[in-house]
């Protein structure tokens, strides 16, 4: 298999993990509606 395939797979997996963490984060903090500042803070903490 080509290296490109593994890179794409890894990026896709990374995306799923990020989405899961995002959902868990918002469920855990019990934010009823999406607050822009919270989202920005979250992105700064988790995105690289």
PDB file of N, CA and C in Angstrom:
ATOM      1  N   UNK A   1       0.838  -1.199   0.000  1.00  0.00           N
ATOM      2  CA  UNK A   1       0.000   0.000   0.000  1.00  0.00           C
ATOM      3  C   UNK A   1       0.878   1.256   0.000  1.00  0.00           C
ATOM      4  N   UNK A   2       0.363   2.287  -0.608  1.00  0.00           N
ATOM      5  CA  UNK A   2       1.138   3.529  -0.716  1.00  0.00           C
ATOM      6  C   UNK A   2       1.119   4.324   0.602  1.00  0.00           C
ATOM      7  N   UNK A   3       2.169   5.064   0.874  1.00  0.00           N
ATOM      8  CA  UNK A   3       2.216   5.891   2.094  1.00  0.00           C
ATOM      9  C   UNK A   3       1.071   6.902   2.159  1.00  0.00           C
ATOM     10  N   UNK A   4       0.657   7.382   0.981  1.00  0.00           N
ATOM     11  CA  UNK A   4      -0.423   8.366   0.915  1.00  0.00           C
ATOM     12  C   UNK A   4      -1.695   7.813   1.558  1.00  0.00           C
ATOM     13  N   UNK A   5      -1.963   6.544   1.310  1.00  0.00           N
ATOM     14  CA  UNK A   5      -3.137   5.892   1.874  1.00  0.00           C
ATOM     15  C   UNK A   5      -3.114   5.968   3.401  1.00  0.00           C
ATOM     16  N   UNK A   6      -1.976   5.698   3.997  1.00  0.00           N
ATOM     17  CA  UNK A   6      -1.860   5.724   5.457  1.00  0.00           C
ATOM     18  C   UNK A   6      -1.987   7.137   6.006  1.00  0.00           C
ATOM     19  N   UNK A   7      -1.467   8.124   5.277  1.00  0.00           N
ATOM     20  CA  UNK A   7      -1.585   9.528   5.685  1.00  0.00           C
ATOM     21  C   UNK A   7      -3.054   9.953   5.698  1.00  0.00           C
ATOM     22  N   UNK A   8      -3.767   9.604   4.652  1.00  0.00           N
ATOM     23  CA  UNK A   8      -5.201   9.940   4.560  1.00  0.00           C
ATOM     24  C   UNK A   8      -5.975   9.243   5.672  1.00  0.00           C
ATOM     25  N   UNK A   9      -5.683   7.972   5.887  1.00  0.00           N
ATOM     26  CA  UNK A   9      -6.342   7.197   6.929  1.00  0.00           C
ATOM     27  C   UNK A   9      -6.099   7.828   8.301  1.00  0.00           C
ATOM     28  N   UNK A  10      -4.859   8.204   8.563  1.00  0.00           N
ATOM     29  CA  UNK A  10      -4.499   8.825   9.836  1.00  0.00           C
ATOM     30  C   UNK A  10      -5.232  10.152  10.035  1.00  0.00           C
ATOM     31  N   UNK A  11      -5.296  10.953   8.988  1.00  0.00           N
ATOM     32  CA  UNK A  11      -5.981  12.252   9.067  1.00  0.00           C
ATOM     33  C   UNK A  11      -7.472  12.059   9.314  1.00  0.00           C
ATOM     34  N   UNK A  12      -8.044  11.073   8.657  1.00  0.00           N
ATOM     35  CA  UNK A  12      -9.465  10.767   8.829  1.00  0.00           C
ATOM     36  C   UNK A  12      -9.740  10.321  10.265  1.00  0.00           C
ATOM     37  N   UNK A  13      -8.896   9.445  10.776  1.00  0.00           N
ATOM     38  CA  UNK A  13      -9.022   8.955  12.145  1.00  0.00           C
ATOM     39  C   UNK A  13      -8.880  10.116  13.138  1.00  0.00           C
ATOM     40  N   UNK A  14      -7.921  10.982  12.872  1.00  0.00           N
ATOM     41  CA  UNK A  14      -7.677  12.163  13.698  1.00  0.00           C
ATOM     42  C   UNK A  14      -8.928  13.037  13.763  1.00  0.00           C
ATOM     43  N   UNK A  15      -9.554  13.219  12.629  1.00  0.00           N
ATOM     44  CA  UNK A  15     -10.769  14.029  12.516  1.00  0.00           C
ATOM     45  C   UNK A  15     -11.889  13.439  13.376  1.00  0.00           C
ATOM     46  N   UNK A  16     -12.058  12.122  13.312  1.00  0.00           N
ATOM     47  CA  UNK A  16     -13.088  11.436  14.102  1.00  0.00           C
ATOM     48  C   UNK A  16     -12.821  11.624  15.592  1.00  0.00           C
ATOM     49  N   UNK A  17     -11.573  11.463  15.994  1.00  0.00           N
ATOM     50  CA  UNK A  17     -11.184  11.630  17.401  1.00  0.00           C
ATOM     51  C   UNK A  17     -11.496  13.053  17.872  1.00  0.00           C
ATOM     52  N   UNK A  18     -11.169  14.032  17.046  1.00  0.00           N
ATOM     53  CA  UNK A  18     -11.425  15.421  17.384  1.00  0.00           C
ATOM     54  C   UNK A  18     -12.922  15.673  17.563  1.00  0.00           C
ATOM     55  N   UNK A  19     -13.719  15.139  16.665  1.00  0.00           N
ATOM     56  CA  UNK A  19     -15.168  15.304  16.740  1.00  0.00           C
ATOM     57  C   UNK A  19     -15.723  14.662  18.011  1.00  0.00           C
ATOM     58  N   UNK A  20     -15.233  13.484  18.332  1.00  0.00           N
ATOM     59  CA  UNK A  20     -15.665  12.795  19.550  1.00  0.00           C
ATOM     60  C   UNK A  20     -15.307  13.605  20.791  1.00  0.00           C
ATOM     61  N   UNK A  21     -14.084  14.093  20.837  1.00  0.00           N
ATOM     62  CA  UNK A  21     -13.642  14.907  21.973  1.00  0.00           C
ATOM     63  C   UNK A  21     -14.479  16.175  22.087  1.00  0.00           C
ATOM     64  N   UNK A  22     -14.789  16.757  20.955  1.00  0.00           N
ATOM     65  CA  UNK A  22     -15.616  17.961  20.907  1.00  0.00           C
ATOM     66  C   UNK A  22     -16.989  17.691  21.533  1.00  0.00           C
ATOM     67  N   UNK A  23     -17.621  16.599  21.112  1.00  0.00           N
ATOM     68  CA  UNK A  23     -18.944  16.210  21.621  1.00  0.00           C
ATOM     69  C   UNK A  23     -18.867  15.915  23.119  1.00  0.00           C
ATOM     70  N   UNK A  24     -17.869  15.147  23.531  1.00  0.00           N
ATOM     71  CA  UNK A  24     -17.691  14.799  24.946  1.00  0.00           C
ATOM     72  C   UNK A  24     -17.474  16.058  25.780  1.00  0.00           C
ATOM     73  N   UNK A  25     -16.644  16.949  25.270  1.00  0.00           N
ATOM     74  CA  UNK A  25     -16.347  18.210  25.965  1.00  0.00           C
ATOM     75  C   UNK A  25     -17.628  19.004  26.225  1.00  0.00           C
ATOM     76  N   UNK A  26     -18.454  19.146  25.198  1.00  0.00           N
ATOM     77  CA  UNK A  26     -19.676  19.932  25.342  1.00  0.00           C
ATOM     78  C   UNK A  26     -20.710  19.220  26.210  1.00  0.00           C
ATOM     79  N   UNK A  27     -20.761  17.906  26.144  1.00  0.00           N
ATOM     80  CA  UNK A  27     -21.671  17.162  27.015  1.00  0.00           C
ATOM     81  C   UNK A  27     -21.226  17.266  28.474  1.00  0.00           C
ATOM     82  N   UNK A  28     -19.932  17.201  28.681  1.00  0.00           N
ATOM     83  CA  UNK A  28     -19.369  17.233  30.033  1.00  0.00           C
ATOM     84  C   UNK A  28     -19.560  18.599  30.689  1.00  0.00           C
ATOM     85  N   UNK A  29     -19.407  19.658  29.913  1.00  0.00           N
ATOM     86  CA  UNK A  29     -19.528  21.016  30.466  1.00  0.00           C
ATOM     87  C   UNK A  29     -20.978  21.509  30.484  1.00  0.00           C
ATOM     88  N   UNK A  30     -21.887  20.731  29.873  1.00  0.00           N
ATOM     89  CA  UNK A  30     -23.318  21.061  29.869  1.00  0.00           C
ATOM     90  C   UNK A  30     -23.603  22.459  29.339  1.00  0.00           C
ATOM     91  N   UNK A  31     -23.115  22.761  28.160  1.00  0.00           N
ATOM     92  CA  UNK A  31     -23.403  24.043  27.519  1.00  0.00           C
ATOM     93  C   UNK A  31     -24.684  23.862  26.683  1.00  0.00           C
ATOM     94  N   UNK A  32     -25.773  24.554  27.056  1.00  0.00           N
ATOM     95  CA  UNK A  32     -27.030  24.366  26.341  1.00  0.00           C
ATOM     96  C   UNK A  32     -26.957  24.824  24.887  1.00  0.00           C
ATOM     97  N   UNK A  33     -26.354  25.988  24.664  1.00  0.00           N
ATOM     98  CA  UNK A  33     -26.179  26.456  23.286  1.00  0.00           C
ATOM     99  C   UNK A  33     -24.703  26.754  23.029  1.00  0.00           C
ATOM    100  N   UNK A  34     -24.305  26.656  21.793  1.00  0.00           N
ATOM    101  CA  UNK A  34     -22.899  26.805  21.453  1.00  0.00           C
ATOM    102  C   UNK A  34     -22.429  28.241  21.648  1.00  0.00           C
ATOM    103  N   UNK A  35     -21.558  28.405  22.621  1.00  0.00           N
ATOM    104  CA  UNK A  35     -20.993  29.716  22.921  1.00  0.00           C
ATOM    105  C   UNK A  35     -19.709  29.874  22.110  1.00  0.00           C
ATOM    106  N   UNK A  36     -19.598  30.957  21.368  1.00  0.00           N
ATOM    107  CA  UNK A  36     -18.458  31.163  20.473  1.00  0.00           C
ATOM    108  C   UNK A  36     -17.130  31.196  21.229  1.00  0.00           C
ATOM    109  N   UNK A  37     -17.101  31.842  22.370  1.00  0.00           N
ATOM    110  CA  UNK A  37     -15.870  31.917  23.151  1.00  0.00           C
ATOM    111  C   UNK A  37     -15.418  30.541  23.636  1.00  0.00           C
ATOM    112  N   UNK A  38     -16.383  29.727  24.030  1.00  0.00           N
ATOM    113  CA  UNK A  38     -16.077  28.366  24.485  1.00  0.00           C
ATOM    114  C   UNK A  38     -15.493  27.544  23.333  1.00  0.00           C
ATOM    115  N   UNK A  39     -16.083  27.692  22.161  1.00  0.00           N
ATOM    116  CA  UNK A  39     -15.598  26.961  20.986  1.00  0.00           C
ATOM    117  C   UNK A  39     -14.172  27.389  20.649  1.00  0.00           C
ATOM    118  N   UNK A  40     -13.907  28.692  20.695  1.00  0.00           N
ATOM    119  CA  UNK A  40     -12.564  29.195  20.409  1.00  0.00           C
ATOM    120  C   UNK A  40     -11.554  28.679  21.428  1.00  0.00           C
ATOM    121  N   UNK A  41     -11.957  28.689  22.696  1.00  0.00           N
ATOM    122  CA  UNK A  41     -11.087  28.177  23.763  1.00  0.00           C
ATOM    123  C   UNK A  41     -10.781  26.699  23.529  1.00  0.00           C
ATOM    124  N   UNK A  42     -11.839  25.970  23.173  1.00  0.00           N
ATOM    125  CA  UNK A  42     -11.713  24.546  22.904  1.00  0.00           C
ATOM    126  C   UNK A  42     -10.756  24.288  21.743  1.00  0.00           C
ATOM    127  N   UNK A  43     -10.920  25.047  20.674  1.00  0.00           N
ATOM    128  CA  UNK A  43     -10.046  24.912  19.501  1.00  0.00           C
ATOM    129  C   UNK A  43      -8.595  25.201  19.863  1.00  0.00           C
ATOM    130  N   UNK A  44      -8.388  26.238  20.658  1.00  0.00           N
ATOM    131  CA  UNK A  44      -7.025  26.579  21.070  1.00  0.00           C
ATOM    132  C   UNK A  44      -6.390  25.475  21.912  1.00  0.00           C
ATOM    133  N   UNK A  45      -7.217  24.798  22.698  1.00  0.00           N
ATOM    134  CA  UNK A  45      -6.703  23.723  23.544  1.00  0.00           C
ATOM    135  C   UNK A  45      -6.423  22.433  22.776  1.00  0.00           C
ATOM    136  N   UNK A  46      -7.280  22.125  21.803  1.00  0.00           N
ATOM    137  CA  UNK A  46      -7.206  20.797  21.180  1.00  0.00           C
ATOM    138  C   UNK A  46      -6.624  20.768  19.764  1.00  0.00           C
ATOM    139  N   UNK A  47      -6.794  21.849  19.013  1.00  0.00           N
ATOM    140  CA  UNK A  47      -6.303  21.819  17.624  1.00  0.00           C
ATOM    141  C   UNK A  47      -4.806  22.119  17.572  1.00  0.00           C
ATOM    142  N   UNK A  48      -4.138  21.503  16.645  1.00  0.00           N
ATOM    143  CA  UNK A  48      -2.711  21.790  16.488  1.00  0.00           C
ATOM    144  C   UNK A  48      -2.376  22.089  15.041  1.00  0.00           C
TER     145      UNK A  48
END
